[in-house]
Amino acid sequence: MFAAVKQQKGRLDILFANAGGGTFSPLGSITEEYFDNIIDINVKALVSPVQKALPLFQDGGSIILNSSIAGSKGNAGIQHL
């Protein structure tokens, strides 16, 4: 996608990256696999496209990161990092 943007437009002025999700699991039941999956969804899914887009930005560009409301409002048994 970013290669097409570079070819057609030459640069990016704005990037809106959105990721968030999780499943319900009691704190004592979280496995390493579960934890890795949550990190993949909520962290890597934002970092990766931003890294790929950075070379297309010039001074004055904006990167907006959006995530789940779970960072502000907790729910019993749901794990969002």
PDB file of N, CA and C in Angstrom:
ATOM      1  N   MET A   1       0.814  -1.178   0.000  1.00  0.00           N
ATOM      2  CA  MET A   1       0.000   0.000   0.000  1.00  0.00           C
ATOM      3  C   MET A   1       0.872   1.262   0.000  1.00  0.00           C
ATOM      4  N   PHE A   2       1.889   1.290   0.866  1.00  0.00           N
ATOM      5  CA  PHE A   2       2.719   2.483   0.944  1.00  0.00           C
ATOM      6  C   PHE A   2       3.556   2.669  -0.317  1.00  0.00           C
ATOM      7  N   ALA A   3       3.922   1.588  -0.969  1.00  0.00           N
ATOM      8  CA  ALA A   3       4.637   1.701  -2.247  1.00  0.00           C
ATOM      9  C   ALA A   3       3.742   2.359  -3.294  1.00  0.00           C
ATOM     10  N   ALA A   4       2.471   2.014  -3.295  1.00  0.00           N
ATOM     11  CA  ALA A   4       1.526   2.622  -4.239  1.00  0.00           C
ATOM     12  C   ALA A   4       1.348   4.106  -3.943  1.00  0.00           C
ATOM     13  N   VAL A   5       1.283   4.463  -2.663  1.00  0.00           N
ATOM     14  CA  VAL A   5       1.169   5.876  -2.287  1.00  0.00           C
ATOM     15  C   VAL A   5       2.408   6.628  -2.761  1.00  0.00           C
ATOM     16  N   LYS A   6       3.577   6.048  -2.525  1.00  0.00           N
ATOM     17  CA  LYS A   6       4.823   6.704  -2.944  1.00  0.00           C
ATOM     18  C   LYS A   6       4.845   6.895  -4.459  1.00  0.00           C
ATOM     19  N   GLN A   7       4.452   5.874  -5.187  1.00  0.00           N
ATOM     20  CA  GLN A   7       4.467   5.942  -6.646  1.00  0.00           C
ATOM     21  C   GLN A   7       3.454   6.957  -7.179  1.00  0.00           C
ATOM     22  N   GLN A   8       2.260   6.968  -6.608  1.00  0.00           N
ATOM     23  CA  GLN A   8       1.194   7.814  -7.139  1.00  0.00           C
ATOM     24  C   GLN A   8       1.205   9.240  -6.595  1.00  0.00           C
ATOM     25  N   LYS A   9       1.564   9.408  -5.324  1.00  0.00           N
ATOM     26  CA  LYS A   9       1.484  10.733  -4.699  1.00  0.00           C
ATOM     27  C   LYS A   9       2.833  11.264  -4.214  1.00  0.00           C
ATOM     28  N   GLY A  10       3.764  10.366  -3.962  1.00  0.00           N
ATOM     29  CA  GLY A  10       5.096  10.783  -3.547  1.00  0.00           C
ATOM     30  C   GLY A  10       5.286  11.014  -2.059  1.00  0.00           C
ATOM     31  N   ARG A  11       4.206  11.205  -1.327  1.00  0.00           N
ATOM     32  CA  ARG A  11       4.334  11.464   0.105  1.00  0.00           C
ATOM     33  C   ARG A  11       2.999  11.229   0.821  1.00  0.00           C
ATOM     34  N   LEU A  12       3.091  11.226   2.141  1.00  0.00           N
ATOM     35  CA  LEU A  12       1.911  11.187   3.002  1.00  0.00           C
ATOM     36  C   LEU A  12       1.874  12.455   3.829  1.00  0.00           C
ATOM     37  N   ASP A  13       0.679  12.975   4.046  1.00  0.00           N
ATOM     38  CA  ASP A  13       0.508  14.120   4.932  1.00  0.00           C
ATOM     39  C   ASP A  13      -0.110  13.705   6.258  1.00  0.00           C
ATOM     40  N   ILE A  14      -0.854  12.590   6.243  1.00  0.00           N
ATOM     41  CA  ILE A  14      -1.535  12.140   7.453  1.00  0.00           C
ATOM     42  C   ILE A  14      -1.663  10.621   7.435  1.00  0.00           C
ATOM     43  N   LEU A  15      -1.540  10.028   8.606  1.00  0.00           N
ATOM     44  CA  LEU A  15      -1.768   8.594   8.773  1.00  0.00           C
ATOM     45  C   LEU A  15      -2.629   8.415  10.016  1.00  0.00           C
ATOM     46  N   PHE A  16      -3.733   7.717   9.867  1.00  0.00           N
ATOM     47  CA  PHE A  16      -4.604   7.374  10.986  1.00  0.00           C
ATOM     48  C   PHE A  16      -4.489   5.872  11.180  1.00  0.00           C
ATOM     49  N   ALA A  17      -3.879   5.452  12.276  1.00  0.00           N
ATOM     50  CA  ALA A  17      -3.693   4.030  12.565  1.00  0.00           C
ATOM     51  C   ALA A  17      -4.596   3.657  13.732  1.00  0.00           C
ATOM     52  N   ASN A  18      -5.400   2.629  13.537  1.00  0.00           N
ATOM     53  CA  ASN A  18      -6.380   2.223  14.532  1.00  0.00           C
ATOM     54  C   ASN A  18      -6.235   0.730  14.809  1.00  0.00           C
ATOM     55  N   ALA A  19      -6.167   0.375  16.065  1.00  0.00           N
ATOM     56  CA  ALA A  19      -6.120  -1.037  16.438  1.00  0.00           C
ATOM     57  C   ALA A  19      -6.649  -1.186  17.848  1.00  0.00           C
ATOM     58  N   GLY A  20      -7.269  -2.289  18.110  1.00  0.00           N
ATOM     59  CA  GLY A  20      -7.743  -2.566  19.459  1.00  0.00           C
ATOM     60  C   GLY A  20      -8.610  -3.799  19.456  1.00  0.00           C
ATOM     61  N   GLY A  21      -8.471  -4.545  20.472  1.00  0.00           N
ATOM     62  CA  GLY A  21      -9.276  -5.750  20.594  1.00  0.00           C
ATOM     63  C   GLY A  21      -8.749  -6.618  21.713  1.00  0.00           C
ATOM     64  N   GLY A  22      -9.495  -7.590  22.048  1.00  0.00           N
ATOM     65  CA  GLY A  22      -9.095  -8.501  23.098  1.00  0.00           C
ATOM     66  C   GLY A  22     -10.195  -9.511  23.347  1.00  0.00           C
ATOM     67  N   THR A  23      -9.922 -10.391  24.232  1.00  0.00           N
ATOM     68  CA  THR A  23     -10.894 -11.404  24.609  1.00  0.00           C
ATOM     69  C   THR A  23     -10.960 -11.456  26.131  1.00  0.00           C
ATOM     70  N   PHE A  24     -11.958 -12.110  26.644  1.00  0.00           N
ATOM     71  CA  PHE A  24     -12.129 -12.219  28.081  1.00  0.00           C
ATOM     72  C   PHE A  24     -11.343 -13.401  28.617  1.00  0.00           C
ATOM     73  N   SER A  25     -10.549 -13.128  29.643  1.00  0.00           N
ATOM     74  CA  SER A  25      -9.772 -14.168  30.300  1.00  0.00           C
ATOM     75  C   SER A  25      -9.409 -13.673  31.696  1.00  0.00           C
ATOM     76  N   PRO A  26      -9.686 -14.453  32.720  1.00  0.00           N
ATOM     77  CA  PRO A  26      -9.290 -14.037  34.068  1.00  0.00           C
ATOM     78  C   PRO A  26      -7.774 -13.869  34.152  1.00  0.00           C
ATOM     79  N   LEU A  27      -7.331 -12.907  34.926  1.00  0.00           N
ATOM     80  CA  LEU A  27      -5.914 -12.594  35.043  1.00  0.00           C
ATOM     81  C   LEU A  27      -5.067 -13.833  35.336  1.00  0.00           C
ATOM     82  N   GLY A  28      -5.530 -14.722  36.180  1.00  0.00           N
ATOM     83  CA  GLY A  28      -4.770 -15.922  36.528  1.00  0.00           C
ATOM     84  C   GLY A  28      -4.709 -16.971  35.428  1.00  0.00           C
ATOM     85  N   SER A  29      -5.455 -16.778  34.349  1.00  0.00           N
ATOM     86  CA  SER A  29      -5.497 -17.765  33.260  1.00  0.00           C
ATOM     87  C   SER A  29      -4.738 -17.320  32.006  1.00  0.00           C
ATOM     88  N   ILE A  30      -4.096 -16.176  32.064  1.00  0.00           N
ATOM     89  CA  ILE A  30      -3.411 -15.657  30.876  1.00  0.00           C
ATOM     90  C   ILE A  30      -2.154 -16.477  30.601  1.00  0.00           C
ATOM     91  N   THR A  31      -2.064 -16.985  29.374  1.00  0.00           N
ATOM     92  CA  THR A  31      -0.888 -17.732  28.950  1.00  0.00           C
ATOM     93  C   THR A  31       0.042 -16.818  28.164  1.00  0.00           C
ATOM     94  N   GLU A  32       1.246 -17.276  27.915  1.00  0.00           N
ATOM     95  CA  GLU A  32       2.187 -16.498  27.107  1.00  0.00           C
ATOM     96  C   GLU A  32       1.649 -16.308  25.687  1.00  0.00           C
ATOM     97  N   GLU A  33       1.026 -17.342  25.136  1.00  0.00           N
ATOM     98  CA  GLU A  33       0.437 -17.247  23.795  1.00  0.00           C
ATOM     99  C   GLU A  33      -0.675 -16.189  23.762  1.00  0.00           C
ATOM    100  N   TYR A  34      -1.513 -16.201  24.780  1.00  0.00           N
ATOM    101  CA  TYR A  34      -2.589 -15.210  24.879  1.00  0.00           C
ATOM    102  C   TYR A  34      -2.007 -13.802  24.950  1.00  0.00           C
ATOM    103  N   PHE A  35      -1.011 -13.615  25.815  1.00  0.00           N
ATOM    104  CA  PHE A  35      -0.364 -12.319  25.981  1.00  0.00           C
ATOM    105  C   PHE A  35       0.256 -11.844  24.662  1.00  0.00           C
ATOM    106  N   ASP A  36       0.972 -12.729  23.981  1.00  0.00           N
ATOM    107  CA  ASP A  36       1.588 -12.384  22.691  1.00  0.00           C
ATOM    108  C   ASP A  36       0.537 -11.963  21.676  1.00  0.00           C
ATOM    109  N   ASN A  37      -0.593 -12.629  21.654  1.00  0.00           N
ATOM    110  CA  ASN A  37      -1.675 -12.285  20.732  1.00  0.00           C
ATOM    111  C   ASN A  37      -2.225 -10.889  21.027  1.00  0.00           C
ATOM    112  N   ILE A  38      -2.412 -10.566  22.295  1.00  0.00           N
ATOM    113  CA  ILE A  38      -2.905  -9.241  22.676  1.00  0.00           C
ATOM    114  C   ILE A  38      -1.902  -8.160  22.274  1.00  0.00           C
ATOM    115  N   ILE A  39      -0.613  -8.409  22.474  1.00  0.00           N
ATOM    116  CA  ILE A  39       0.433  -7.459  22.066  1.00  0.00           C
ATOM    117  C   ILE A  39       0.427  -7.290  20.550  1.00  0.00           C
ATOM    118  N   ASP A  40       0.289  -8.379  19.813  1.00  0.00           N
ATOM    119  CA  ASP A  40       0.231  -8.310  18.349  1.00  0.00           C
ATOM    120  C   ASP A  40      -0.921  -7.425  17.882  1.00  0.00           C
ATOM    121  N   ILE A  41      -2.087  -7.604  18.476  1.00  0.00           N
ATOM    122  CA  ILE A  41      -3.285  -6.861  18.064  1.00  0.00           C
ATOM    123  C   ILE A  41      -3.193  -5.391  18.460  1.00  0.00           C
ATOM    124  N   ASN A  42      -2.796  -5.123  19.682  1.00  0.00           N
ATOM    125  CA  ASN A  42      -2.912  -3.778  20.234  1.00  0.00           C
ATOM    126  C   ASN A  42      -1.653  -2.921  20.136  1.00  0.00           C
ATOM    127  N   VAL A  43      -0.501  -3.522  19.897  1.00  0.00           N
ATOM    128  CA  VAL A  43       0.737  -2.742  19.809  1.00  0.00           C
ATOM    129  C   VAL A  43       1.367  -2.875  18.425  1.00  0.00           C
ATOM    130  N   LYS A  44       1.697  -4.095  18.037  1.00  0.00           N
ATOM    131  CA  LYS A  44       2.366  -4.288  16.747  1.00  0.00           C
ATOM    132  C   LYS A  44       1.519  -3.813  15.578  1.00  0.00           C
ATOM    133  N   ALA A  45       0.217  -3.956  15.686  1.00  0.00           N
ATOM    134  CA  ALA A  45      -0.671  -3.535  14.600  1.00  0.00           C
ATOM    135  C   ALA A  45      -0.632  -2.024  14.387  1.00  0.00           C
ATOM    136  N   LEU A  46      -0.215  -1.271  15.383  1.00  0.00           N
ATOM    137  CA  LEU A  46      -0.046   0.178  15.231  1.00  0.00           C
ATOM    138  C   LEU A  46       1.382   0.536  14.824  1.00  0.00           C
ATOM    139  N   VAL A  47       2.363  -0.094  15.431  1.00  0.00           N
ATOM    140  CA  VAL A  47       3.759   0.257  15.193  1.00  0.00           C
ATOM    141  C   VAL A  47       4.191  -0.077  13.763  1.00  0.00           C
ATOM    142  N   SER A  48       3.819  -1.217  13.260  1.00  0.00           N
ATOM    143  CA  SER A  48       4.277  -1.659  11.945  1.00  0.00           C
ATOM    144  C   SER A  48       3.895  -0.705  10.809  1.00  0.00           C
ATOM    145  N   PRO A  49       2.625  -0.320  10.660  1.00  0.00           N
ATOM    146  CA  PRO A  49       2.304   0.601   9.564  1.00  0.00           C
ATOM    147  C   PRO A  49       2.936   1.985   9.744  1.00  0.00           C
ATOM    148  N   VAL A  50       3.090   2.426  10.987  1.00  0.00           N
ATOM    149  CA  VAL A  50       3.729   3.722  11.213  1.00  0.00           C
ATOM    150  C   VAL A  50       5.182   3.669  10.744  1.00  0.00           C
ATOM    151  N   GLN A  51       5.894   2.604  11.075  1.00  0.00           N
ATOM    152  CA  GLN A  51       7.280   2.464  10.638  1.00  0.00           C
ATOM    153  C   GLN A  51       7.383   2.462   9.113  1.00  0.00           C
ATOM    154  N   LYS A  52       6.479   1.768   8.461  1.00  0.00           N
ATOM    155  CA  LYS A  52       6.509   1.695   6.996  1.00  0.00           C
ATOM    156  C   LYS A  52       6.147   3.035   6.351  1.00  0.00           C
ATOM    157  N   ALA A  53       5.334   3.823   7.016  1.00  0.00           N
ATOM    158  CA  ALA A  53       4.895   5.104   6.473  1.00  0.00           C
ATOM    159  C   ALA A  53       5.891   6.234   6.709  1.00  0.00           C
ATOM    160  N   LEU A  54       6.732   6.129   7.719  1.00  0.00           N
ATOM    161  CA  LEU A  54       7.626   7.235   8.090  1.00  0.00           C
ATOM    162  C   LEU A  54       8.434   7.815   6.927  1.00  0.00           C
ATOM    163  N   PRO A  55       8.996   6.988   6.038  1.00  0.00           N
ATOM    164  CA  PRO A  55       9.773   7.570   4.938  1.00  0.00           C
ATOM    165  C   PRO A  55       8.951   8.448   3.986  1.00  0.00           C
ATOM    166  N   LEU A  56       7.644   8.331   4.028  1.00  0.00           N
ATOM    167  CA  LEU A  56       6.786   9.105   3.133  1.00  0.00           C
ATOM    168  C   LEU A  56       6.362  10.451   3.721  1.00  0.00           C
ATOM    169  N   PHE A  57       6.706  10.699   4.968  1.00  0.00           N
ATOM    170  CA  PHE A  57       6.317  11.945   5.624  1.00  0.00           C
ATOM    171  C   PHE A  57       7.361  13.028   5.428  1.00  0.00           C
ATOM    172  N   GLN A  58       6.882  14.253   5.346  1.00  0.00           N
ATOM    173  CA  GLN A  58       7.730  15.436   5.333  1.00  0.00           C
ATOM    174  C   GLN A  58       7.362  16.271   6.554  1.00  0.00           C
ATOM    175  N   ASP A  59       8.106  17.325   6.807  1.00  0.00           N
ATOM    176  CA  ASP A  59       7.784  18.204   7.932  1.00  0.00           C
ATOM    177  C   ASP A  59       6.332  18.659   7.841  1.00  0.00           C
ATOM    178  N   GLY A  60       5.661  18.659   8.985  1.00  0.00           N
ATOM    179  CA  GLY A  60       4.272  19.104   9.034  1.00  0.00           C
ATOM    180  C   GLY A  60       3.249  17.997   8.916  1.00  0.00           C
ATOM    181  N   GLY A  61       3.686  16.763   8.660  1.00  0.00           N
ATOM    182  CA  GLY A  61       2.756  15.639   8.577  1.00  0.00           C
ATOM    183  C   GLY A  61       2.264  15.236   9.957  1.00  0.00           C
ATOM    184  N   SER A  62       1.169  14.496   9.988  1.00  0.00           N
ATOM    185  CA  SER A  62       0.580  14.073  11.258  1.00  0.00           C
ATOM    186  C   SER A  62       0.331  12.576  11.270  1.00  0.00           C
ATOM    187  N   ILE A  63       0.633  11.961  12.404  1.00  0.00           N
ATOM    188  CA  ILE A  63       0.326  10.557  12.637  1.00  0.00           C
ATOM    189  C   ILE A  63      -0.614  10.507  13.834  1.00  0.00           C
ATOM    190  N   ILE A  64      -1.772   9.905  13.636  1.00  0.00           N
ATOM    191  CA  ILE A  64      -2.783   9.791  14.686  1.00  0.00           C
ATOM    192  C   ILE A  64      -2.917   8.319  15.041  1.00  0.00           C
ATOM    193  N   LEU A  65      -2.725   7.996  16.305  1.00  0.00           N
ATOM    194  CA  LEU A  65      -2.866   6.621  16.788  1.00  0.00           C
ATOM    195  C   LEU A  65      -4.136   6.530  17.616  1.00  0.00           C
ATOM    196  N   ASN A  66      -4.956   5.540  17.311  1.00  0.00           N
ATOM    197  CA  ASN A  66      -6.219   5.341  18.006  1.00  0.00           C
ATOM    198  C   ASN A  66      -6.259   3.917  18.534  1.00  0.00           C
ATOM    199  N   SER A  67      -6.829   3.747  19.702  1.00  0.00           N
ATOM    200  CA  SER A  67      -6.911   2.405  20.270  1.00  0.00           C
ATOM    201  C   SER A  67      -8.238   2.209  20.975  1.00  0.00           C
ATOM    202  N   SER A  68      -8.355   1.114  21.621  1.00  0.00           N
ATOM    203  CA  SER A  68      -9.584   0.727  22.301  1.00  0.00           C
ATOM    204  C   SER A  68      -9.879   1.611  23.507  1.00  0.00           C
ATOM    205  N   ILE A  69     -11.131   1.747  23.816  1.00  0.00           N
ATOM    206  CA  ILE A  69     -11.557   2.461  25.025  1.00  0.00           C
ATOM    207  C   ILE A  69     -11.125   1.715  26.292  1.00  0.00           C
ATOM    208  N   ALA A  70     -10.737   0.447  26.134  1.00  0.00           N
ATOM    209  CA  ALA A  70     -10.355  -0.350  27.300  1.00  0.00           C
ATOM    210  C   ALA A  70      -9.154   0.240  28.045  1.00  0.00           C
ATOM    211  N   GLY A  71      -8.384   1.110  27.377  1.00  0.00           N
ATOM    212  CA  GLY A  71      -7.291   1.771  28.058  1.00  0.00           C
ATOM    213  C   GLY A  71      -7.774   2.808  29.062  1.00  0.00           C
ATOM    214  N   SER A  72      -9.016   3.234  28.902  1.00  0.00           N
ATOM    215  CA  SER A  72      -9.591   4.239  29.795  1.00  0.00           C
ATOM    216  C   SER A  72     -10.686   3.696  30.688  1.00  0.00           C
ATOM    217  N   LYS A  73     -11.337   2.632  30.230  1.00  0.00           N
ATOM    218  CA  LYS A  73     -12.469   2.071  30.967  1.00  0.00           C
ATOM    219  C   LYS A  73     -12.278   0.562  31.080  1.00  0.00           C
ATOM    220  N   GLY A  74     -12.060   0.103  32.264  1.00  0.00           N
ATOM    221  CA  GLY A  74     -11.829  -1.322  32.473  1.00  0.00           C
ATOM    222  C   GLY A  74     -13.117  -2.133  32.496  1.00  0.00           C
ATOM    223  N   ASN A  75     -13.015  -3.372  32.089  1.00  0.00           N
ATOM    224  CA  ASN A  75     -14.107  -4.340  32.157  1.00  0.00           C
ATOM    225  C   ASN A  75     -13.559  -5.614  32.800  1.00  0.00           C
ATOM    226  N   ALA A  76     -14.293  -6.192  33.682  1.00  0.00           N
ATOM    227  CA  ALA A  76     -13.841  -7.404  34.369  1.00  0.00           C
ATOM    228  C   ALA A  76     -13.531  -8.506  33.376  1.00  0.00           C
ATOM    229  N   GLY A  77     -12.334  -9.072  33.483  1.00  0.00           N
ATOM    230  CA  GLY A  77     -11.953 -10.227  32.695  1.00  0.00           C
ATOM    231  C   GLY A  77     -11.436  -9.912  31.298  1.00  0.00           C
ATOM    232  N   ILE A  78     -11.458  -8.671  30.861  1.00  0.00           N
ATOM    233  CA  ILE A  78     -10.951  -8.375  29.521  1.00  0.00           C
ATOM    234  C   ILE A  78      -9.542  -7.827  29.637  1.00  0.00           C
ATOM    235  N   GLN A  79      -8.667  -8.296  28.791  1.00  0.00           N
ATOM    236  CA  GLN A  79      -7.266  -7.917  28.830  1.00  0.00           C
ATOM    237  C   GLN A  79      -6.926  -7.105  27.599  1.00  0.00           C
ATOM    238  N   HIS A  80      -6.759  -5.828  27.743  1.00  0.00           N
ATOM    239  CA  HIS A  80      -6.272  -4.935  26.703  1.00  0.00           C
ATOM    240  C   HIS A  80      -5.005  -4.294  27.231  1.00  0.00           C
ATOM    241  N   LEU A  81      -3.976  -4.286  26.439  1.00  0.00           N
ATOM    242  CA  LEU A  81      -2.721  -3.667  26.876  1.00  0.00           C
ATOM    243  C   LEU A  81      -2.483  -2.422  26.068  1.00  0.00           C
TER     244      LEU A  81
END
